[in-house]
Amino acid sequence: TPGLDRAAFAETIEHVEEAAGIELKVGVGRDLTAGDAGMAAKEALE
């Protein structure tokens, strides 16, 4: 993603729940590489 904020992710989760009936949660990370950003996202998801 580009630099989305918390409100954008909350809005996305609401849209998917309304459109597909699927409830989601999301962890988001930012770093210099995708690998490190992905690990930060996994930690946020925990």
ModelCIF file with pLDDT and N, C-alpha, C, O atoms, coordinates in Angstrom:
data_MODEL
#
_entry.id   MODEL 
#
_entity.id                         1 
_entity.type                       polymer 
_entity.pdbx_number_of_molecules   1 
#
_entity_poly.entity_id                      1 
_entity_poly.type                           'polypeptide(L)' 
_entity_poly.nstd_linkage                   no 
_entity_poly.nstd_monomer                   no 
_entity_poly.pdbx_seq_one_letter_code       TPGLDRAAFAETIEHVEEAAGIELKVGVGRDLTAGDAGMAAKEALE 
_entity_poly.pdbx_seq_one_letter_code_can   TPGLDRAAFAETIEHVEEAAGIELKVGVGRDLTAGDAGMAAKEALE 
_entity_poly.pdbx_strand_id                 A 
#
loop_
_entity_poly_seq.entity_id 
_entity_poly_seq.num 
_entity_poly_seq.mon_id 
_entity_poly_seq.hetero 
1 1  THR n 
1 2  PRO n 
1 3  GLY n 
1 4  LEU n 
1 5  ASP n 
1 6  ARG n 
1 7  ALA n 
1 8  ALA n 
1 9  PHE n 
1 10 ALA n 
1 11 GLU n 
1 12 THR n 
1 13 ILE n 
1 14 GLU n 
1 15 HIS n 
1 16 VAL n 
1 17 GLU n 
1 18 GLU n 
1 19 ALA n 
1 20 ALA n 
1 21 GLY n 
1 22 ILE n 
1 23 GLU n 
1 24 LEU n 
1 25 LYS n 
1 26 VAL n 
1 27 GLY n 
1 28 VAL n 
1 29 GLY n 
1 30 ARG n 
1 31 ASP n 
1 32 LEU n 
1 33 THR n 
1 34 ALA n 
1 35 GLY n 
1 36 ASP n 
1 37 ALA n 
1 38 GLY n 
1 39 MET n 
1 40 ALA n 
1 41 ALA n 
1 42 LYS n 
1 43 GLU n 
1 44 ALA n 
1 45 LEU n 
1 46 GLU n 
#
_struct_asym.id          A 
_struct_asym.entity_id   1 
#
loop_
_ma_qa_metric.id 
_ma_qa_metric.mode 
_ma_qa_metric.name 
_ma_qa_metric.software_group_id 
_ma_qa_metric.type 
1 global pLDDT . pLDDT 
2 local  pLDDT . pLDDT 
#
_ma_qa_metric_global.metric_id      1 
_ma_qa_metric_global.metric_value   96.20 
_ma_qa_metric_global.model_id       1 
_ma_qa_metric_global.ordinal_id     1 
#
loop_
_ma_qa_metric_local.label_asym_id 
_ma_qa_metric_local.label_comp_id 
_ma_qa_metric_local.label_seq_id 
_ma_qa_metric_local.metric_id 
_ma_qa_metric_local.metric_value 
_ma_qa_metric_local.model_id 
_ma_qa_metric_local.ordinal_id 
A THR 1  2 97.00 1 1  
A PRO 2  2 96.00 1 2  
A GLY 3  2 94.00 1 3  
A LEU 4  2 96.00 1 4  
A ASP 5  2 96.00 1 5  
A ARG 6  2 96.00 1 6  
A ALA 7  2 97.00 1 7  
A ALA 8  2 98.00 1 8  
A PHE 9  2 98.00 1 9  
A ALA 10 2 97.00 1 10 
A GLU 11 2 98.00 1 11 
A THR 12 2 98.00 1 12 
A ILE 13 2 97.00 1 13 
A GLU 14 2 97.00 1 14 
A HIS 15 2 97.00 1 15 
A VAL 16 2 97.00 1 16 
A GLU 17 2 95.00 1 17 
A GLU 18 2 96.00 1 18 
A ALA 19 2 95.00 1 19 
A ALA 20 2 94.00 1 20 
A GLY 21 2 93.00 1 21 
A ILE 22 2 94.00 1 22 
A GLU 23 2 94.00 1 23 
A LEU 24 2 96.00 1 24 
A LYS 25 2 97.00 1 25 
A VAL 26 2 98.00 1 26 
A GLY 27 2 98.00 1 27 
A VAL 28 2 98.00 1 28 
A GLY 29 2 97.00 1 29 
A ARG 30 2 95.00 1 30 
A ASP 31 2 95.00 1 31 
A LEU 32 2 94.00 1 32 
A THR 33 2 95.00 1 33 
A ALA 34 2 96.00 1 34 
A GLY 35 2 96.00 1 35 
A ASP 36 2 96.00 1 36 
A ALA 37 2 96.00 1 37 
A GLY 38 2 97.00 1 38 
A MET 39 2 96.00 1 39 
A ALA 40 2 96.00 1 40 
A ALA 41 2 97.00 1 41 
A LYS 42 2 96.00 1 42 
A GLU 43 2 96.00 1 43 
A ALA 44 2 97.00 1 44 
A LEU 45 2 97.00 1 45 
A GLU 46 2 96.00 1 46 
#
loop_
_atom_site.group_PDB 
_atom_site.id 
_atom_site.type_symbol 
_atom_site.label_atom_id 
_atom_site.label_alt_id 
_atom_site.label_comp_id 
_atom_site.label_asym_id 
_atom_site.label_entity_id 
_atom_site.label_seq_id 
_atom_site.pdbx_PDB_ins_code 
_atom_site.Cartn_x 
_atom_site.Cartn_y 
_atom_site.Cartn_z 
_atom_site.occupancy 
_atom_site.B_iso_or_equiv 
_atom_site.pdbx_formal_charge 
_atom_site.auth_seq_id 
_atom_site.auth_comp_id 
_atom_site.auth_asym_id 
_atom_site.auth_atom_id 
_atom_site.pdbx_PDB_model_num 
ATOM 1   N N  . THR A 1 1  ? 0.821   -1.205  0.000  1.00 97.00 ? 1  THR A N  1 
ATOM 2   C CA . THR A 1 1  ? 0.000   0.000   0.000  1.00 97.00 ? 1  THR A CA 1 
ATOM 3   C C  . THR A 1 1  ? 0.859   1.260   0.000  1.00 97.00 ? 1  THR A C  1 
ATOM 4   O O  . THR A 1 1  ? 2.027   1.218   0.386  1.00 97.00 ? 1  THR A O  1 
ATOM 5   N N  . PRO A 1 2  ? 0.277   2.390   -0.436 1.00 96.00 ? 2  PRO A N  1 
ATOM 6   C CA . PRO A 1 2  ? 0.914   3.672   -0.115 1.00 96.00 ? 2  PRO A CA 1 
ATOM 7   C C  . PRO A 1 2  ? 0.743   3.946   1.369  1.00 96.00 ? 2  PRO A C  1 
ATOM 8   O O  . PRO A 1 2  ? 0.271   3.077   2.102  1.00 96.00 ? 2  PRO A O  1 
ATOM 9   N N  . GLY A 1 3  ? 1.109   5.115   1.823  1.00 94.00 ? 3  GLY A N  1 
ATOM 10  C CA . GLY A 1 3  ? 1.082   5.394   3.264  1.00 94.00 ? 3  GLY A CA 1 
ATOM 11  C C  . GLY A 1 3  ? -0.309  5.614   3.807  1.00 94.00 ? 3  GLY A C  1 
ATOM 12  O O  . GLY A 1 3  ? -0.661  6.737   4.166  1.00 94.00 ? 3  GLY A O  1 
ATOM 13  N N  . LEU A 1 4  ? -1.111  4.559   3.874  1.00 96.00 ? 4  LEU A N  1 
ATOM 14  C CA . LEU A 1 4  ? -2.488  4.672   4.362  1.00 96.00 ? 4  LEU A CA 1 
ATOM 15  C C  . LEU A 1 4  ? -2.523  4.765   5.886  1.00 96.00 ? 4  LEU A C  1 
ATOM 16  O O  . LEU A 1 4  ? -1.660  4.226   6.580  1.00 96.00 ? 4  LEU A O  1 
ATOM 17  N N  . ASP A 1 5  ? -3.536  5.459   6.385  1.00 96.00 ? 5  ASP A N  1 
ATOM 18  C CA . ASP A 1 5  ? -3.664  5.603   7.833  1.00 96.00 ? 5  ASP A CA 1 
ATOM 19  C C  . ASP A 1 5  ? -4.684  4.610   8.394  1.00 96.00 ? 5  ASP A C  1 
ATOM 20  O O  . ASP A 1 5  ? -5.287  3.834   7.653  1.00 96.00 ? 5  ASP A O  1 
ATOM 21  N N  . ARG A 1 6  ? -4.862  4.650   9.699  1.00 96.00 ? 6  ARG A N  1 
ATOM 22  C CA . ARG A 1 6  ? -5.751  3.715   10.388 1.00 96.00 ? 6  ARG A CA 1 
ATOM 23  C C  . ARG A 1 6  ? -7.184  3.804   9.853  1.00 96.00 ? 6  ARG A C  1 
ATOM 24  O O  . ARG A 1 6  ? -7.855  2.784   9.698  1.00 96.00 ? 6  ARG A O  1 
ATOM 25  N N  . ALA A 1 7  ? -7.644  5.015   9.575  1.00 97.00 ? 7  ALA A N  1 
ATOM 26  C CA . ALA A 1 7  ? -9.020  5.193   9.104  1.00 97.00 ? 7  ALA A CA 1 
ATOM 27  C C  . ALA A 1 7  ? -9.242  4.501   7.761  1.00 97.00 ? 7  ALA A C  1 
ATOM 28  O O  . ALA A 1 7  ? -10.303 3.922   7.529  1.00 97.00 ? 7  ALA A O  1 
ATOM 29  N N  . ALA A 1 8  ? -8.247  4.558   6.876  1.00 98.00 ? 8  ALA A N  1 
ATOM 30  C CA . ALA A 1 8  ? -8.376  3.915   5.568  1.00 98.00 ? 8  ALA A CA 1 
ATOM 31  C C  . ALA A 1 8  ? -8.498  2.408   5.708  1.00 98.00 ? 8  ALA A C  1 
ATOM 32  O O  . ALA A 1 8  ? -9.272  1.781   4.984  1.00 98.00 ? 8  ALA A O  1 
ATOM 33  N N  . PHE A 1 9  ? -7.742  1.815   6.633  1.00 98.00 ? 9  PHE A N  1 
ATOM 34  C CA . PHE A 1 9  ? -7.831  0.365   6.829  1.00 98.00 ? 9  PHE A CA 1 
ATOM 35  C C  . PHE A 1 9  ? -9.151  -0.022  7.497  1.00 98.00 ? 9  PHE A C  1 
ATOM 36  O O  . PHE A 1 9  ? -9.740  -1.047  7.153  1.00 98.00 ? 9  PHE A O  1 
ATOM 37  N N  . ALA A 1 10 ? -9.609  0.774   8.434  1.00 97.00 ? 10 ALA A N  1 
ATOM 38  C CA . ALA A 1 10 ? -10.895 0.490   9.073  1.00 97.00 ? 10 ALA A CA 1 
ATOM 39  C C  . ALA A 1 10 ? -12.023 0.557   8.051  1.00 97.00 ? 10 ALA A C  1 
ATOM 40  O O  . ALA A 1 10 ? -12.927 -0.278  8.064  1.00 97.00 ? 10 ALA A O  1 
ATOM 41  N N  . GLU A 1 11 ? -11.971 1.540   7.174  1.00 98.00 ? 11 GLU A N  1 
ATOM 42  C CA . GLU A 1 11 ? -12.970 1.680   6.117  1.00 98.00 ? 11 GLU A CA 1 
ATOM 43  C C  . GLU A 1 11 ? -12.932 0.472   5.177  1.00 98.00 ? 11 GLU A C  1 
ATOM 44  O O  . GLU A 1 11 ? -13.978 -0.013  4.746  1.00 98.00 ? 11 GLU A O  1 
ATOM 45  N N  . THR A 1 12 ? -11.738 -0.007  4.864  1.00 98.00 ? 12 THR A N  1 
ATOM 46  C CA . THR A 1 12 ? -11.593 -1.171  3.985  1.00 98.00 ? 12 THR A CA 1 
ATOM 47  C C  . THR A 1 12 ? -12.215 -2.414  4.617  1.00 98.00 ? 12 THR A C  1 
ATOM 48  O O  . THR A 1 12 ? -12.929 -3.166  3.953  1.00 98.00 ? 12 THR A O  1 
ATOM 49  N N  . ILE A 1 13 ? -11.940 -2.623  5.893  1.00 97.00 ? 13 ILE A N  1 
ATOM 50  C CA . ILE A 1 13 ? -12.498 -3.786  6.594  1.00 97.00 ? 13 ILE A CA 1 
ATOM 51  C C  . ILE A 1 13 ? -14.023 -3.736  6.591  1.00 97.00 ? 13 ILE A C  1 
ATOM 52  O O  . ILE A 1 13 ? -14.683 -4.755  6.390  1.00 97.00 ? 13 ILE A O  1 
ATOM 53  N N  . GLU A 1 14 ? -14.575 -2.553  6.814  1.00 97.00 ? 14 GLU A N  1 
ATOM 54  C CA . GLU A 1 14 ? -16.035 -2.397  6.801  1.00 97.00 ? 14 GLU A CA 1 
ATOM 55  C C  . GLU A 1 14 ? -16.595 -2.708  5.421  1.00 97.00 ? 14 GLU A C  1 
ATOM 56  O O  . GLU A 1 14 ? -17.641 -3.347  5.304  1.00 97.00 ? 14 GLU A O  1 
ATOM 57  N N  . HIS A 1 15 ? -15.903 -2.260  4.371  1.00 97.00 ? 15 HIS A N  1 
ATOM 58  C CA . HIS A 1 15 ? -16.375 -2.514  3.007  1.00 97.00 ? 15 HIS A CA 1 
ATOM 59  C C  . HIS A 1 15 ? -16.412 -4.014  2.712  1.00 97.00 ? 15 HIS A C  1 
ATOM 60  O O  . HIS A 1 15 ? -17.398 -4.514  2.172  1.00 97.00 ? 15 HIS A O  1 
ATOM 61  N N  . VAL A 1 16 ? -15.349 -4.728  3.061  1.00 97.00 ? 16 VAL A N  1 
ATOM 62  C CA . VAL A 1 16 ? -15.295 -6.164  2.779  1.00 97.00 ? 16 VAL A CA 1 
ATOM 63  C C  . VAL A 1 16 ? -16.376 -6.912  3.547  1.00 97.00 ? 16 VAL A C  1 
ATOM 64  O O  . VAL A 1 16 ? -16.975 -7.851  3.024  1.00 97.00 ? 16 VAL A O  1 
ATOM 65  N N  . GLU A 1 17 ? -16.625 -6.501  4.781  1.00 95.00 ? 17 GLU A N  1 
ATOM 66  C CA . GLU A 1 17 ? -17.675 -7.151  5.569  1.00 95.00 ? 17 GLU A CA 1 
ATOM 67  C C  . GLU A 1 17 ? -19.043 -6.948  4.929  1.00 95.00 ? 17 GLU A C  1 
ATOM 68  O O  . GLU A 1 17 ? -19.854 -7.873  4.872  1.00 95.00 ? 17 GLU A O  1 
ATOM 69  N N  . GLU A 1 18 ? -19.297 -5.718  4.445  1.00 96.00 ? 18 GLU A N  1 
ATOM 70  C CA . GLU A 1 18 ? -20.576 -5.430  3.802  1.00 96.00 ? 18 GLU A CA 1 
ATOM 71  C C  . GLU A 1 18 ? -20.704 -6.125  2.456  1.00 96.00 ? 18 GLU A C  1 
ATOM 72  O O  . GLU A 1 18 ? -21.775 -6.625  2.114  1.00 96.00 ? 18 GLU A O  1 
ATOM 73  N N  . ALA A 1 19 ? -19.601 -6.161  1.680  1.00 95.00 ? 19 ALA A N  1 
ATOM 74  C CA . ALA A 1 19 ? -19.653 -6.706  0.318  1.00 95.00 ? 19 ALA A CA 1 
ATOM 75  C C  . ALA A 1 19 ? -19.615 -8.220  0.284  1.00 95.00 ? 19 ALA A C  1 
ATOM 76  O O  . ALA A 1 19 ? -20.251 -8.833  -0.574 1.00 95.00 ? 19 ALA A O  1 
ATOM 77  N N  . ALA A 1 20 ? -18.871 -8.845  1.214  1.00 94.00 ? 20 ALA A N  1 
ATOM 78  C CA . ALA A 1 20 ? -18.643 -10.290 1.131  1.00 94.00 ? 20 ALA A CA 1 
ATOM 79  C C  . ALA A 1 20 ? -19.007 -11.051 2.394  1.00 94.00 ? 20 ALA A C  1 
ATOM 80  O O  . ALA A 1 20 ? -18.947 -12.281 2.409  1.00 94.00 ? 20 ALA A O  1 
ATOM 81  N N  . GLY A 1 21 ? -19.383 -10.349 3.450  1.00 93.00 ? 21 GLY A N  1 
ATOM 82  C CA . GLY A 1 21 ? -19.738 -11.022 4.691  1.00 93.00 ? 21 GLY A CA 1 
ATOM 83  C C  . GLY A 1 21 ? -18.559 -11.637 5.417  1.00 93.00 ? 21 GLY A C  1 
ATOM 84  O O  . GLY A 1 21 ? -18.733 -12.549 6.224  1.00 93.00 ? 21 GLY A O  1 
ATOM 85  N N  . ILE A 1 22 ? -17.356 -11.144 5.138  1.00 94.00 ? 22 ILE A N  1 
ATOM 86  C CA . ILE A 1 22 ? -16.136 -11.662 5.750  1.00 94.00 ? 22 ILE A CA 1 
ATOM 87  C C  . ILE A 1 22 ? -15.578 -10.614 6.707  1.00 94.00 ? 22 ILE A C  1 
ATOM 88  O O  . ILE A 1 22 ? -15.396 -9.459  6.323  1.00 94.00 ? 22 ILE A O  1 
ATOM 89  N N  . GLU A 1 23 ? -15.305 -11.010 7.956  1.00 94.00 ? 23 GLU A N  1 
ATOM 90  C CA . GLU A 1 23 ? -14.759 -10.104 8.956  1.00 94.00 ? 23 GLU A CA 1 
ATOM 91  C C  . GLU A 1 23 ? -13.236 -10.233 8.982  1.00 94.00 ? 23 GLU A C  1 
ATOM 92  O O  . GLU A 1 23 ? -12.697 -11.335 9.090  1.00 94.00 ? 23 GLU A O  1 
ATOM 93  N N  . LEU A 1 24 ? -12.556 -9.100  8.884  1.00 96.00 ? 24 LEU A N  1 
ATOM 94  C CA . LEU A 1 24 ? -11.108 -9.083  8.810  1.00 96.00 ? 24 LEU A CA 1 
ATOM 95  C C  . LEU A 1 24 ? -10.494 -8.290  9.958  1.00 96.00 ? 24 LEU A C  1 
ATOM 96  O O  . LEU A 1 24 ? -11.156 -7.471  10.595 1.00 96.00 ? 24 LEU A O  1 
ATOM 97  N N  . LYS A 1 25 ? -9.233  -8.549  10.201 1.00 97.00 ? 25 LYS A N  1 
ATOM 98  C CA . LYS A 1 25 ? -8.369  -7.677  10.995 1.00 97.00 ? 25 LYS A CA 1 
ATOM 99  C C  . LYS A 1 25 ? -7.093  -7.494  10.192 1.00 97.00 ? 25 LYS A C  1 
ATOM 100 O O  . LYS A 1 25 ? -6.821  -8.265  9.272  1.00 97.00 ? 25 LYS A O  1 
ATOM 101 N N  . VAL A 1 26 ? -6.303  -6.469  10.537 1.00 98.00 ? 26 VAL A N  1 
ATOM 102 C CA . VAL A 1 26 ? -5.113  -6.183  9.737  1.00 98.00 ? 26 VAL A CA 1 
ATOM 103 C C  . VAL A 1 26 ? -4.003  -5.616  10.606 1.00 98.00 ? 26 VAL A C  1 
ATOM 104 O O  . VAL A 1 26 ? -4.229  -4.744  11.445 1.00 98.00 ? 26 VAL A O  1 
ATOM 105 N N  . GLY A 1 27 ? -2.801  -6.129  10.385 1.00 98.00 ? 27 GLY A N  1 
ATOM 106 C CA . GLY A 1 27 ? -1.600  -5.542  10.961 1.00 98.00 ? 27 GLY A CA 1 
ATOM 107 C C  . GLY A 1 27 ? -0.832  -4.844  9.863  1.00 98.00 ? 27 GLY A C  1 
ATOM 108 O O  . GLY A 1 27 ? -0.692  -5.382  8.765  1.00 98.00 ? 27 GLY A O  1 
ATOM 109 N N  . VAL A 1 28 ? -0.335  -3.662  10.141 1.00 98.00 ? 28 VAL A N  1 
ATOM 110 C CA . VAL A 1 28 ? 0.326   -2.839  9.132  1.00 98.00 ? 28 VAL A CA 1 
ATOM 111 C C  . VAL A 1 28 ? 1.734   -2.507  9.596  1.00 98.00 ? 28 VAL A C  1 
ATOM 112 O O  . VAL A 1 28 ? 1.951   -2.153  10.755 1.00 98.00 ? 28 VAL A O  1 
ATOM 113 N N  . GLY A 1 29 ? 2.692   -2.625  8.675  1.00 97.00 ? 29 GLY A N  1 
ATOM 114 C CA . GLY A 1 29 ? 4.078   -2.300  9.003  1.00 97.00 ? 29 GLY A CA 1 
ATOM 115 C C  . GLY A 1 29 ? 4.715   -1.465  7.916  1.00 97.00 ? 29 GLY A C  1 
ATOM 116 O O  . GLY A 1 29 ? 4.332   -1.542  6.748  1.00 97.00 ? 29 GLY A O  1 
ATOM 117 N N  . ARG A 1 30 ? 5.694   -0.664  8.312  1.00 95.00 ? 30 ARG A N  1 
ATOM 118 C CA . ARG A 1 30 ? 6.422   0.174   7.356  1.00 95.00 ? 30 ARG A CA 1 
ATOM 119 C C  . ARG A 1 30 ? 7.908   0.072   7.661  1.00 95.00 ? 30 ARG A C  1 
ATOM 120 O O  . ARG A 1 30 ? 8.324   0.166   8.816  1.00 95.00 ? 30 ARG A O  1 
ATOM 121 N N  . ASP A 1 31 ? 8.715   -0.124  6.602  1.00 95.00 ? 31 ASP A N  1 
ATOM 122 C CA . ASP A 1 31 ? 10.160  -0.209  6.794  1.00 95.00 ? 31 ASP A CA 1 
ATOM 123 C C  . ASP A 1 31 ? 10.844  0.026   5.449  1.00 95.00 ? 31 ASP A C  1 
ATOM 124 O O  . ASP A 1 31 ? 10.193  0.317   4.446  1.00 95.00 ? 31 ASP A O  1 
ATOM 125 N N  . LEU A 1 32 ? 12.174  -0.108  5.450  1.00 94.00 ? 32 LEU A N  1 
ATOM 126 C CA . LEU A 1 32 ? 12.947  0.179   4.243  1.00 94.00 ? 32 LEU A CA 1 
ATOM 127 C C  . LEU A 1 32 ? 12.849  -0.924  3.200  1.00 94.00 ? 32 LEU A C  1 
ATOM 128 O O  . LEU A 1 32 ? 13.037  -0.662  2.012  1.00 94.00 ? 32 LEU A O  1 
ATOM 129 N N  . THR A 1 33 ? 12.555  -2.161  3.623  1.00 95.00 ? 33 THR A N  1 
ATOM 130 C CA . THR A 1 33 ? 12.373  -3.265  2.686  1.00 95.00 ? 33 THR A CA 1 
ATOM 131 C C  . THR A 1 33 ? 11.029  -3.925  2.943  1.00 95.00 ? 33 THR A C  1 
ATOM 132 O O  . THR A 1 33 ? 10.452  -3.809  4.024  1.00 95.00 ? 33 THR A O  1 
ATOM 133 N N  . ALA A 1 34 ? 10.546  -4.619  1.922  1.00 96.00 ? 34 ALA A N  1 
ATOM 134 C CA . ALA A 1 34 ? 9.262   -5.307  2.069  1.00 96.00 ? 34 ALA A CA 1 
ATOM 135 C C  . ALA A 1 34 ? 9.339   -6.388  3.138  1.00 96.00 ? 34 ALA A C  1 
ATOM 136 O O  . ALA A 1 34 ? 8.386   -6.585  3.893  1.00 96.00 ? 34 ALA A O  1 
ATOM 137 N N  . GLY A 1 35 ? 10.476  -7.095  3.207  1.00 96.00 ? 35 GLY A N  1 
ATOM 138 C CA . GLY A 1 35 ? 10.622  -8.147  4.199  1.00 96.00 ? 35 GLY A CA 1 
ATOM 139 C C  . GLY A 1 35 ? 10.502  -7.630  5.614  1.00 96.00 ? 35 GLY A C  1 
ATOM 140 O O  . GLY A 1 35 ? 9.806   -8.221  6.440  1.00 96.00 ? 35 GLY A O  1 
ATOM 141 N N  . ASP A 1 36 ? 11.185  -6.518  5.900  1.00 96.00 ? 36 ASP A N  1 
ATOM 142 C CA . ASP A 1 36 ? 11.120  -5.952  7.248  1.00 96.00 ? 36 ASP A CA 1 
ATOM 143 C C  . ASP A 1 36 ? 9.756   -5.326  7.529  1.00 96.00 ? 36 ASP A C  1 
ATOM 144 O O  . ASP A 1 36 ? 9.243   -5.422  8.644  1.00 96.00 ? 36 ASP A O  1 
ATOM 145 N N  . ALA A 1 37 ? 9.169   -4.684  6.518  1.00 96.00 ? 37 ALA A N  1 
ATOM 146 C CA . ALA A 1 37 ? 7.824   -4.126  6.696  1.00 96.00 ? 37 ALA A CA 1 
ATOM 147 C C  . ALA A 1 37 ? 6.816   -5.243  6.941  1.00 96.00 ? 37 ALA A C  1 
ATOM 148 O O  . ALA A 1 37 ? 5.891   -5.093  7.739  1.00 96.00 ? 37 ALA A O  1 
ATOM 149 N N  . GLY A 1 38 ? 7.006   -6.381  6.238  1.00 97.00 ? 38 GLY A N  1 
ATOM 150 C CA . GLY A 1 38 ? 6.110   -7.516  6.435  1.00 97.00 ? 38 GLY A CA 1 
ATOM 151 C C  . GLY A 1 38 ? 6.205   -8.090  7.830  1.00 97.00 ? 38 GLY A C  1 
ATOM 152 O O  . GLY A 1 38 ? 5.192   -8.481  8.410  1.00 97.00 ? 38 GLY A O  1 
ATOM 153 N N  . MET A 1 39 ? 7.422   -8.147  8.383  1.00 96.00 ? 39 MET A N  1 
ATOM 154 C CA . MET A 1 39 ? 7.567   -8.638  9.762  1.00 96.00 ? 39 MET A CA 1 
ATOM 155 C C  . MET A 1 39 ? 6.909   -7.680  10.749 1.00 96.00 ? 39 MET A C  1 
ATOM 156 O O  . MET A 1 39 ? 6.273   -8.117  11.708 1.00 96.00 ? 39 MET A O  1 
ATOM 157 N N  . ALA A 1 40 ? 7.056   -6.386  10.522 1.00 96.00 ? 40 ALA A N  1 
ATOM 158 C CA . ALA A 1 40 ? 6.384   -5.416  11.384 1.00 96.00 ? 40 ALA A CA 1 
ATOM 159 C C  . ALA A 1 40 ? 4.868   -5.574  11.285 1.00 96.00 ? 40 ALA A C  1 
ATOM 160 O O  . ALA A 1 40 ? 4.158   -5.413  12.277 1.00 96.00 ? 40 ALA A O  1 
ATOM 161 N N  . ALA A 1 41 ? 4.374   -5.891  10.084 1.00 97.00 ? 41 ALA A N  1 
ATOM 162 C CA . ALA A 1 41 ? 2.933   -6.100  9.902  1.00 97.00 ? 41 ALA A CA 1 
ATOM 163 C C  . ALA A 1 41 ? 2.467   -7.353  10.644 1.00 97.00 ? 41 ALA A C  1 
ATOM 164 O O  . ALA A 1 41 ? 1.400   -7.353  11.258 1.00 97.00 ? 41 ALA A O  1 
ATOM 165 N N  . LYS A 1 42 ? 3.274   -8.429  10.587 1.00 96.00 ? 42 LYS A N  1 
ATOM 166 C CA . LYS A 1 42 ? 2.900   -9.657  11.307 1.00 96.00 ? 42 LYS A CA 1 
ATOM 167 C C  . LYS A 1 42 ? 2.860   -9.415  12.812 1.00 96.00 ? 42 LYS A C  1 
ATOM 168 O O  . LYS A 1 42 ? 1.976   -9.922  13.502 1.00 96.00 ? 42 LYS A O  1 
ATOM 169 N N  . GLU A 1 43 ? 3.813   -8.642  13.319 1.00 96.00 ? 43 GLU A N  1 
ATOM 170 C CA . GLU A 1 43 ? 3.812   -8.327  14.747 1.00 96.00 ? 43 GLU A CA 1 
ATOM 171 C C  . GLU A 1 43 ? 2.593   -7.484  15.118 1.00 96.00 ? 43 GLU A C  1 
ATOM 172 O O  . GLU A 1 43 ? 2.004   -7.666  16.183 1.00 96.00 ? 43 GLU A O  1 
ATOM 173 N N  . ALA A 1 44 ? 2.223   -6.564  14.232 1.00 97.00 ? 44 ALA A N  1 
ATOM 174 C CA . ALA A 1 44 ? 1.031   -5.754  14.483 1.00 97.00 ? 44 ALA A CA 1 
ATOM 175 C C  . ALA A 1 44 ? -0.227  -6.619  14.445 1.00 97.00 ? 44 ALA A C  1 
ATOM 176 O O  . ALA A 1 44 ? -1.161  -6.396  15.216 1.00 97.00 ? 44 ALA A O  1 
ATOM 177 N N  . LEU A 1 45 ? -0.251  -7.606  13.548 1.00 97.00 ? 45 LEU A N  1 
ATOM 178 C CA . LEU A 1 45 ? -1.396  -8.507  13.479 1.00 97.00 ? 45 LEU A CA 1 
ATOM 179 C C  . LEU A 1 45 ? -1.525  -9.321  14.765 1.00 97.00 ? 45 LEU A C  1 
ATOM 180 O O  . LEU A 1 45 ? -2.636  -9.583  15.225 1.00 97.00 ? 45 LEU A O  1 
ATOM 181 N N  . GLU A 1 46 ? -0.403  -9.717  15.338 1.00 96.00 ? 46 GLU A N  1 
ATOM 182 C CA . GLU A 1 46 ? -0.456  -10.430 16.620 1.00 96.00 ? 46 GLU A CA 1 
ATOM 183 C C  . GLU A 1 46 ? -1.045  -9.540  17.711 1.00 96.00 ? 46 GLU A C  1 
ATOM 184 O O  . GLU A 1 46 ? -1.168  -9.969  18.858 1.00 96.00 ? 46 GLU A O  1 
#
